Amino acid sequence: MKTYSGWGESHQTLDQYLQIGDIVDQEMADYFVNVLPPIFMSGLLVQIGEPVNDVAGRSTFATLRRNSARQWVYAGNCYCGESAQPLSA
């Protein structure tokens, strides 16, 4: 499990620290909610409110999704409201 405190200790960017499929702790999920107002948030998905990149003319956002065990999983940089990275990302 990747942790918020581990990220701070790593001195890496979010994209360097997290890999798609990494399970994250609740503190990391709280960061996604609290760093900026989320661009999208539901019980199954949360996306940081600042775009990371532009793919095919659409912004992408750092994304967490819930798995079947209700754990938060890093999904990469996805379009608003989606939990799969665009193919050209």
PDB file of N, CA and C in Angstrom:
ATOM      1  N   MET A   1       0.850  -1.178   0.000  1.00  0.00           N
ATOM      2  CA  MET A   1       0.000   0.000   0.000  1.00  0.00           C
ATOM      3  C   MET A   1       0.891   1.234   0.000  1.00  0.00           C
ATOM      4  N   LYS A   2       0.570   2.179  -0.871  1.00  0.00           N
ATOM      5  CA  LYS A   2       1.289   3.448  -0.915  1.00  0.00           C
ATOM      6  C   LYS A   2       0.620   4.398   0.084  1.00  0.00           C
ATOM      7  N   THR A   3       1.440   5.114   0.827  1.00  0.00           N
ATOM      8  CA  THR A   3       0.912   5.996   1.865  1.00  0.00           C
ATOM      9  C   THR A   3       1.245   7.458   1.570  1.00  0.00           C
ATOM     10  N   TYR A   4       0.435   8.319   2.122  1.00  0.00           N
ATOM     11  CA  TYR A   4       0.674   9.750   1.987  1.00  0.00           C
ATOM     12  C   TYR A   4       2.010  10.121   2.629  1.00  0.00           C
ATOM     13  N   SER A   5       2.288   9.567   3.795  1.00  0.00           N
ATOM     14  CA  SER A   5       3.557   9.877   4.463  1.00  0.00           C
ATOM     15  C   SER A   5       4.735   9.331   3.661  1.00  0.00           C
ATOM     16  N   GLY A   6       4.578   8.174   3.052  1.00  0.00           N
ATOM     17  CA  GLY A   6       5.627   7.616   2.207  1.00  0.00           C
ATOM     18  C   GLY A   6       5.905   8.497   1.008  1.00  0.00           C
ATOM     19  N   TRP A   7       4.869   9.100   0.465  1.00  0.00           N
ATOM     20  CA  TRP A   7       5.045  10.026  -0.652  1.00  0.00           C
ATOM     21  C   TRP A   7       5.903  11.212  -0.217  1.00  0.00           C
ATOM     22  N   GLY A   8       5.575  11.790   0.935  1.00  0.00           N
ATOM     23  CA  GLY A   8       6.352  12.921   1.446  1.00  0.00           C
ATOM     24  C   GLY A   8       7.807  12.559   1.663  1.00  0.00           C
ATOM     25  N   GLU A   9       8.044  11.381   2.184  1.00  0.00           N
ATOM     26  CA  GLU A   9       9.417  10.921   2.441  1.00  0.00           C
ATOM     27  C   GLU A   9      10.173  10.602   1.158  1.00  0.00           C
ATOM     28  N   SER A  10       9.450  10.312   0.077  1.00  0.00           N
ATOM     29  CA  SER A  10      10.095   9.898  -1.177  1.00  0.00           C
ATOM     30  C   SER A  10      10.683  11.075  -1.961  1.00  0.00           C
ATOM     31  N   HIS A  11      10.193  12.275  -1.713  1.00  0.00           N
ATOM     32  CA  HIS A  11      10.623  13.477  -2.446  1.00  0.00           C
ATOM     33  C   HIS A  11      10.378  13.331  -3.950  1.00  0.00           C
ATOM     34  N   GLN A  12       9.331  12.600  -4.312  1.00  0.00           N
ATOM     35  CA  GLN A  12       8.958  12.400  -5.712  1.00  0.00           C
ATOM     36  C   GLN A  12       7.676  13.169  -6.016  1.00  0.00           C
ATOM     37  N   THR A  13       7.422  13.388  -7.301  1.00  0.00           N
ATOM     38  CA  THR A  13       6.137  13.941  -7.696  1.00  0.00           C
ATOM     39  C   THR A  13       5.083  12.846  -7.502  1.00  0.00           C
ATOM     40  N   LEU A  14       3.841  13.223  -7.520  1.00  0.00           N
ATOM     41  CA  LEU A  14       2.761  12.244  -7.380  1.00  0.00           C
ATOM     42  C   LEU A  14       2.850  11.179  -8.475  1.00  0.00           C
ATOM     43  N   ASP A  15       3.089  11.611  -9.726  1.00  0.00           N
ATOM     44  CA  ASP A  15       3.179  10.658 -10.836  1.00  0.00           C
ATOM     45  C   ASP A  15       4.400   9.750 -10.734  1.00  0.00           C
ATOM     46  N   GLN A  16       5.442  10.194 -10.082  1.00  0.00           N
ATOM     47  CA  GLN A  16       6.612   9.335  -9.890  1.00  0.00           C
ATOM     48  C   GLN A  16       6.356   8.319  -8.776  1.00  0.00           C
ATOM     49  N   TYR A  17       5.658   8.743  -7.743  1.00  0.00           N
ATOM     50  CA  TYR A  17       5.424   7.881  -6.573  1.00  0.00           C
ATOM     51  C   TYR A  17       4.353   6.831  -6.824  1.00  0.00           C
ATOM     52  N   LEU A  18       3.272   7.229  -7.472  1.00  0.00           N
ATOM     53  CA  LEU A  18       2.159   6.303  -7.688  1.00  0.00           C
ATOM     54  C   LEU A  18       2.204   5.689  -9.077  1.00  0.00           C
ATOM     55  N   GLN A  19       1.948   4.407  -9.142  1.00  0.00           N
ATOM     56  CA  GLN A  19       1.816   3.675 -10.394  1.00  0.00           C
ATOM     57  C   GLN A  19       0.366   3.210 -10.510  1.00  0.00           C
ATOM     58  N   ILE A  20      -0.134   3.155 -11.723  1.00  0.00           N
ATOM     59  CA  ILE A  20      -1.516   2.701 -11.926  1.00  0.00           C
ATOM     60  C   ILE A  20      -1.692   1.339 -11.265  1.00  0.00           C
ATOM     61  N   GLY A  21      -2.752   1.233 -10.477  1.00  0.00           N
ATOM     62  CA  GLY A  21      -3.060  -0.005  -9.758  1.00  0.00           C
ATOM     63  C   GLY A  21      -2.597  -0.014  -8.318  1.00  0.00           C
ATOM     64  N   ASP A  22      -1.786   0.985  -7.918  1.00  0.00           N
ATOM     65  CA  ASP A  22      -1.351   1.060  -6.517  1.00  0.00           C
ATOM     66  C   ASP A  22      -2.541   1.342  -5.599  1.00  0.00           C
ATOM     67  N   ILE A  23      -2.651   0.575  -4.538  1.00  0.00           N
ATOM     68  CA  ILE A  23      -3.631   0.852  -3.491  1.00  0.00           C
ATOM     69  C   ILE A  23      -3.024   1.919  -2.594  1.00  0.00           C
ATOM     70  N   VAL A  24      -3.841   2.910  -2.217  1.00  0.00           N
ATOM     71  CA  VAL A  24      -3.351   4.007  -1.384  1.00  0.00           C
ATOM     72  C   VAL A  24      -4.117   4.050  -0.067  1.00  0.00           C
ATOM     73  N   ASP A  25      -3.497   4.679   0.928  1.00  0.00           N
ATOM     74  CA  ASP A  25      -4.144   4.788   2.234  1.00  0.00           C
ATOM     75  C   ASP A  25      -5.184   5.911   2.244  1.00  0.00           C
ATOM     76  N   GLN A  26      -5.974   5.956   3.309  1.00  0.00           N
ATOM     77  CA  GLN A  26      -7.041   6.946   3.417  1.00  0.00           C
ATOM     78  C   GLN A  26      -6.479   8.363   3.449  1.00  0.00           C
ATOM     79  N   GLU A  27      -5.307   8.539   4.034  1.00  0.00           N
ATOM     80  CA  GLU A  27      -4.703   9.867   4.081  1.00  0.00           C
ATOM     81  C   GLU A  27      -4.389  10.376   2.664  1.00  0.00           C
ATOM     82  N   MET A  28      -3.962   9.492   1.772  1.00  0.00           N
ATOM     83  CA  MET A  28      -3.721   9.882   0.377  1.00  0.00           C
ATOM     84  C   MET A  28      -5.046  10.238  -0.291  1.00  0.00           C
ATOM     85  N   ALA A  29      -6.085   9.455  -0.044  1.00  0.00           N
ATOM     86  CA  ALA A  29      -7.398   9.768  -0.602  1.00  0.00           C
ATOM     87  C   ALA A  29      -7.889  11.120  -0.080  1.00  0.00           C
ATOM     88  N   ASP A  30      -7.663  11.398   1.188  1.00  0.00           N
ATOM     89  CA  ASP A  30      -8.050  12.690   1.760  1.00  0.00           C
ATOM     90  C   ASP A  30      -7.304  13.829   1.073  1.00  0.00           C
ATOM     91  N   TYR A  31      -6.038  13.605   0.730  1.00  0.00           N
ATOM     92  CA  TYR A  31      -5.270  14.612   0.001  1.00  0.00           C
ATOM     93  C   TYR A  31      -5.943  14.923  -1.331  1.00  0.00           C
ATOM     94  N   PHE A  32      -6.370  13.899  -2.067  1.00  0.00           N
ATOM     95  CA  PHE A  32      -7.034  14.105  -3.354  1.00  0.00           C
ATOM     96  C   PHE A  32      -8.281  14.962  -3.193  1.00  0.00           C
ATOM     97  N   VAL A  33      -8.983  14.800  -2.090  1.00  0.00           N
ATOM     98  CA  VAL A  33     -10.200  15.566  -1.839  1.00  0.00           C
ATOM     99  C   VAL A  33      -9.892  16.983  -1.375  1.00  0.00           C
ATOM    100  N   ASN A  34      -8.850  17.154  -0.567  1.00  0.00           N
ATOM    101  CA  ASN A  34      -8.631  18.421   0.116  1.00  0.00           C
ATOM    102  C   ASN A  34      -7.595  19.359  -0.493  1.00  0.00           C
ATOM    103  N   VAL A  35      -6.723  18.869  -1.388  1.00  0.00           N
ATOM    104  CA  VAL A  35      -5.677  19.741  -1.928  1.00  0.00           C
ATOM    105  C   VAL A  35      -6.302  20.887  -2.738  1.00  0.00           C
ATOM    106  N   LEU A  36      -7.318  20.617  -3.488  1.00  0.00           N
ATOM    107  CA  LEU A  36      -8.116  21.581  -4.248  1.00  0.00           C
ATOM    108  C   LEU A  36      -9.537  21.035  -4.267  1.00  0.00           C
ATOM    109  N   PRO A  37     -10.523  21.856  -4.568  1.00  0.00           N
ATOM    110  CA  PRO A  37     -11.840  21.253  -4.749  1.00  0.00           C
ATOM    111  C   PRO A  37     -11.760  20.225  -5.887  1.00  0.00           C
ATOM    112  N   PRO A  38     -12.246  19.015  -5.670  1.00  0.00           N
ATOM    113  CA  PRO A  38     -12.159  17.987  -6.717  1.00  0.00           C
ATOM    114  C   PRO A  38     -12.924  18.408  -7.973  1.00  0.00           C
ATOM    115  N   ILE A  39     -12.400  18.026  -9.126  1.00  0.00           N
ATOM    116  CA  ILE A  39     -13.123  18.245 -10.379  1.00  0.00           C
ATOM    117  C   ILE A  39     -14.289  17.256 -10.472  1.00  0.00           C
ATOM    118  N   PHE A  40     -14.097  16.092  -9.840  1.00  0.00           N
ATOM    119  CA  PHE A  40     -15.141  15.062  -9.818  1.00  0.00           C
ATOM    120  C   PHE A  40     -14.982  14.261  -8.538  1.00  0.00           C
ATOM    121  N   MET A  41     -16.109  13.982  -7.897  1.00  0.00           N
ATOM    122  CA  MET A  41     -16.068  13.166  -6.685  1.00  0.00           C
ATOM    123  C   MET A  41     -17.380  12.423  -6.529  1.00  0.00           C
ATOM    124  N   SER A  42     -17.257  11.126  -6.303  1.00  0.00           N
ATOM    125  CA  SER A  42     -18.420  10.287  -5.996  1.00  0.00           C
ATOM    126  C   SER A  42     -17.946   9.261  -4.979  1.00  0.00           C
ATOM    127  N   GLY A  43     -18.780   8.344  -4.612  1.00  0.00           N
ATOM    128  CA  GLY A  43     -18.378   7.312  -3.680  1.00  0.00           C
ATOM    129  C   GLY A  43     -17.354   6.345  -4.257  1.00  0.00           C
ATOM    130  N   LEU A  44     -17.205   6.364  -5.594  1.00  0.00           N
ATOM    131  CA  LEU A  44     -16.315   5.414  -6.257  1.00  0.00           C
ATOM    132  C   LEU A  44     -15.129   6.062  -6.967  1.00  0.00           C
ATOM    133  N   LEU A  45     -15.122   7.396  -7.061  1.00  0.00           N
ATOM    134  CA  LEU A  45     -14.107   8.077  -7.855  1.00  0.00           C
ATOM    135  C   LEU A  45     -13.839   9.462  -7.276  1.00  0.00           C
ATOM    136  N   VAL A  46     -12.556   9.842  -7.236  1.00  0.00           N
ATOM    137  CA  VAL A  46     -12.204  11.209  -6.845  1.00  0.00           C
ATOM    138  C   VAL A  46     -11.049  11.660  -7.731  1.00  0.00           C
ATOM    139  N   GLN A  47     -11.162  12.921  -8.214  1.00  0.00           N
ATOM    140  CA  GLN A  47     -10.135  13.481  -9.091  1.00  0.00           C
ATOM    141  C   GLN A  47      -9.730  14.862  -8.601  1.00  0.00           C
ATOM    142  N   ILE A  48      -8.400  15.071  -8.481  1.00  0.00           N
ATOM    143  CA  ILE A  48      -7.871  16.367  -8.064  1.00  0.00           C
ATOM    144  C   ILE A  48      -8.319  17.423  -9.070  1.00  0.00           C
ATOM    145  N   GLY A  49      -8.697  18.586  -8.568  1.00  0.00           N
ATOM    146  CA  GLY A  49      -9.307  19.629  -9.384  1.00  0.00           C
ATOM    147  C   GLY A  49      -8.420  20.406 -10.317  1.00  0.00           C
ATOM    148  N   GLU A  50      -7.149  20.082 -10.420  1.00  0.00           N
ATOM    149  CA  GLU A  50      -6.272  20.781 -11.364  1.00  0.00           C
ATOM    150  C   GLU A  50      -5.822  19.817 -12.453  1.00  0.00           C
ATOM    151  N   PRO A  51      -5.950  20.229 -13.728  1.00  0.00           N
ATOM    152  CA  PRO A  51      -5.527  19.340 -14.810  1.00  0.00           C
ATOM    153  C   PRO A  51      -4.044  18.998 -14.725  1.00  0.00           C
ATOM    154  N   VAL A  52      -3.724  17.759 -15.098  1.00  0.00           N
ATOM    155  CA  VAL A  52      -2.344  17.298 -15.138  1.00  0.00           C
ATOM    156  C   VAL A  52      -1.790  17.451 -16.548  1.00  0.00           C
ATOM    157  N   ASN A  53      -2.630  17.170 -17.526  1.00  0.00           N
ATOM    158  CA  ASN A  53      -2.189  17.118 -18.907  1.00  0.00           C
ATOM    159  C   ASN A  53      -3.371  17.411 -19.817  1.00  0.00           C
ATOM    160  N   ASP A  54      -3.081  17.531 -21.111  1.00  0.00           N
ATOM    161  CA  ASP A  54      -4.112  17.690 -22.129  1.00  0.00           C
ATOM    162  C   ASP A  54      -3.895  16.581 -23.145  1.00  0.00           C
ATOM    163  N   VAL A  55      -4.896  15.738 -23.333  1.00  0.00           N
ATOM    164  CA  VAL A  55      -4.802  14.629 -24.276  1.00  0.00           C
ATOM    165  C   VAL A  55      -5.980  14.737 -25.239  1.00  0.00           C
ATOM    166  N   ALA A  56      -5.665  14.831 -26.520  1.00  0.00           N
ATOM    167  CA  ALA A  56      -6.697  14.931 -27.562  1.00  0.00           C
ATOM    168  C   ALA A  56      -7.653  16.085 -27.290  1.00  0.00           C
ATOM    169  N   GLY A  57      -7.100  17.189 -26.802  1.00  0.00           N
ATOM    170  CA  GLY A  57      -7.905  18.384 -26.568  1.00  0.00           C
ATOM    171  C   GLY A  57      -8.741  18.371 -25.301  1.00  0.00           C
ATOM    172  N   ARG A  58      -8.544  17.361 -24.453  1.00  0.00           N
ATOM    173  CA  ARG A  58      -9.292  17.269 -23.185  1.00  0.00           C
ATOM    174  C   ARG A  58      -8.312  17.163 -22.029  1.00  0.00           C
ATOM    175  N   SER A  59      -8.657  17.820 -20.931  1.00  0.00           N
ATOM    176  CA  SER A  59      -7.810  17.783 -19.732  1.00  0.00           C
ATOM    177  C   SER A  59      -7.908  16.431 -19.043  1.00  0.00           C
ATOM    178  N   THR A  60      -6.795  16.023 -18.421  1.00  0.00           N
ATOM    179  CA  THR A  60      -6.781  14.820 -17.590  1.00  0.00           C
ATOM    180  C   THR A  60      -6.463  15.213 -16.152  1.00  0.00           C
ATOM    181  N   PHE A  61      -6.907  14.393 -15.205  1.00  0.00           N
ATOM    182  CA  PHE A  61      -6.804  14.694 -13.788  1.00  0.00           C
ATOM    183  C   PHE A  61      -6.329  13.464 -13.022  1.00  0.00           C
ATOM    184  N   ALA A  62      -5.482  13.676 -12.004  1.00  0.00           N
ATOM    185  CA  ALA A  62      -5.050  12.580 -11.137  1.00  0.00           C
ATOM    186  C   ALA A  62      -6.297  11.946 -10.520  1.00  0.00           C
ATOM    187  N   THR A  63      -6.382  10.619 -10.602  1.00  0.00           N
ATOM    188  CA  THR A  63      -7.627   9.917 -10.299  1.00  0.00           C
ATOM    189  C   THR A  63      -7.414   8.742  -9.344  1.00  0.00           C
ATOM    190  N   LEU A  64      -8.300   8.646  -8.363  1.00  0.00           N
ATOM    191  CA  LEU A  64      -8.416   7.462  -7.515  1.00  0.00           C
ATOM    192  C   LEU A  64      -9.788   6.849  -7.748  1.00  0.00           C
ATOM    193  N   ARG A  65      -9.832   5.521  -7.788  1.00  0.00           N
ATOM    194  CA  ARG A  65     -11.114   4.808  -7.902  1.00  0.00           C
ATOM    195  C   ARG A  65     -11.162   3.759  -6.800  1.00  0.00           C
ATOM    196  N   ARG A  66     -12.355   3.355  -6.433  1.00  0.00           N
ATOM    197  CA  ARG A  66     -12.503   2.285  -5.443  1.00  0.00           C
ATOM    198  C   ARG A  66     -12.553   0.940  -6.143  1.00  0.00           C
ATOM    199  N   ASN A  67     -11.876  -0.041  -5.548  1.00  0.00           N
ATOM    200  CA  ASN A  67     -11.957  -1.405  -6.080  1.00  0.00           C
ATOM    201  C   ASN A  67     -13.089  -2.147  -5.378  1.00  0.00           C
ATOM    202  N   SER A  68     -13.254  -3.419  -5.706  1.00  0.00           N
ATOM    203  CA  SER A  68     -14.359  -4.196  -5.137  1.00  0.00           C
ATOM    204  C   SER A  68     -14.228  -4.382  -3.625  1.00  0.00           C
ATOM    205  N   ALA A  69     -13.018  -4.235  -3.099  1.00  0.00           N
ATOM    206  CA  ALA A  69     -12.798  -4.331  -1.651  1.00  0.00           C
ATOM    207  C   ALA A  69     -12.938  -2.970  -0.966  1.00  0.00           C
ATOM    208  N   ARG A  70     -13.395  -1.973  -1.720  1.00  0.00           N
ATOM    209  CA  ARG A  70     -13.623  -0.594  -1.227  1.00  0.00           C
ATOM    210  C   ARG A  70     -12.315   0.118  -0.873  1.00  0.00           C
ATOM    211  N   GLN A  71     -11.200  -0.335  -1.435  1.00  0.00           N
ATOM    212  CA  GLN A  71      -9.924   0.344  -1.240  1.00  0.00           C
ATOM    213  C   GLN A  71      -9.753   1.376  -2.360  1.00  0.00           C
ATOM    214  N   TRP A  72      -9.032   2.456  -2.051  1.00  0.00           N
ATOM    215  CA  TRP A  72      -8.728   3.451  -3.067  1.00  0.00           C
ATOM    216  C   TRP A  72      -7.537   2.978  -3.882  1.00  0.00           C
ATOM    217  N   VAL A  73      -7.657   3.059  -5.208  1.00  0.00           N
ATOM    218  CA  VAL A  73      -6.631   2.598  -6.141  1.00  0.00           C
ATOM    219  C   VAL A  73      -6.305   3.748  -7.096  1.00  0.00           C
ATOM    220  N   TYR A  74      -5.013   3.983  -7.310  1.00  0.00           N
ATOM    221  CA  TYR A  74      -4.604   5.024  -8.248  1.00  0.00           C
ATOM    222  C   TYR A  74      -4.900   4.561  -9.670  1.00  0.00           C
ATOM    223  N   ALA A  75      -5.616   5.389 -10.425  1.00  0.00           N
ATOM    224  CA  ALA A  75      -6.016   5.042 -11.790  1.00  0.00           C
ATOM    225  C   ALA A  75      -5.223   5.814 -12.845  1.00  0.00           C
ATOM    226  N   GLY A  76      -4.326   6.712 -12.419  1.00  0.00           N
ATOM    227  CA  GLY A  76      -3.551   7.502 -13.370  1.00  0.00           C
ATOM    228  C   GLY A  76      -4.203   8.842 -13.616  1.00  0.00           C
ATOM    229  N   ASN A  77      -3.900   9.413 -14.770  1.00  0.00           N
ATOM    230  CA  ASN A  77      -4.437  10.714 -15.151  1.00  0.00           C
ATOM    231  C   ASN A  77      -5.523  10.501 -16.190  1.00  0.00           C
ATOM    232  N   CYS A  78      -6.756  10.707 -15.765  1.00  0.00           N
ATOM    233  CA  CYS A  78      -7.923  10.336 -16.560  1.00  0.00           C
ATOM    234  C   CYS A  78      -8.775  11.566 -16.870  1.00  0.00           C
ATOM    235  N   TYR A  79      -9.625  11.420 -17.883  1.00  0.00           N
ATOM    236  CA  TYR A  79     -10.591  12.472 -18.182  1.00  0.00           C
ATOM    237  C   TYR A  79     -11.571  12.618 -17.016  1.00  0.00           C
ATOM    238  N   CYS A  80     -12.164  13.788 -16.918  1.00  0.00           N
ATOM    239  CA  CYS A  80     -13.115  14.077 -15.848  1.00  0.00           C
ATOM    240  C   CYS A  80     -14.235  13.032 -15.833  1.00  0.00           C
ATOM    241  N   GLY A  81     -14.451  12.438 -14.660  1.00  0.00           N
ATOM    242  CA  GLY A  81     -15.510  11.465 -14.474  1.00  0.00           C
ATOM    243  C   GLY A  81     -15.181  10.064 -14.945  1.00  0.00           C
ATOM    244  N   GLU A  82     -13.945   9.842 -15.430  1.00  0.00           N
ATOM    245  CA  GLU A  82     -13.553   8.530 -15.934  1.00  0.00           C
ATOM    246  C   GLU A  82     -12.418   7.951 -15.100  1.00  0.00           C
ATOM    247  N   SER A  83     -12.249   6.630 -15.152  1.00  0.00           N
ATOM    248  CA  SER A  83     -11.218   5.989 -14.345  1.00  0.00           C
ATOM    249  C   SER A  83     -10.247   5.139 -15.169  1.00  0.00           C
ATOM    250  N   ALA A  84     -10.158   5.444 -16.468  1.00  0.00           N
ATOM    251  CA  ALA A  84      -9.178   4.787 -17.331  1.00  0.00           C
ATOM    252  C   ALA A  84      -8.389   5.873 -18.050  1.00  0.00           C
ATOM    253  N   GLN A  85      -7.067   5.725 -18.081  1.00  0.00           N
ATOM    254  CA  GLN A  85      -6.250   6.712 -18.774  1.00  0.00           C
ATOM    255  C   GLN A  85      -6.549   6.696 -20.266  1.00  0.00           C
ATOM    256  N   PRO A  86      -6.537   7.861 -20.893  1.00  0.00           N
ATOM    257  CA  PRO A  86      -6.676   7.886 -22.356  1.00  0.00           C
ATOM    258  C   PRO A  86      -5.515   7.117 -22.996  1.00  0.00           C
ATOM    259  N   LEU A  87      -5.753   6.496 -24.118  1.00  0.00           N
ATOM    260  CA  LEU A  87      -4.742   5.666 -24.767  1.00  0.00           C
ATOM    261  C   LEU A  87      -3.475   6.431 -25.124  1.00  0.00           C
ATOM    262  N   SER A  88      -3.601   7.700 -25.463  1.00  0.00           N
ATOM    263  CA  SER A  88      -2.413   8.460 -25.861  1.00  0.00           C
ATOM    264  C   SER A  88      -1.764   9.207 -24.710  1.00  0.00           C
ATOM    265  N   ALA A  89      -2.166   8.904 -23.477  1.00  0.00           N
ATOM    266  CA  ALA A  89      -1.582   9.584 -22.307  1.00  0.00           C
ATOM    267  C   ALA A  89      -0.198   9.073 -22.027  1.00  0.00           C
TER     268      ALA A  89
END
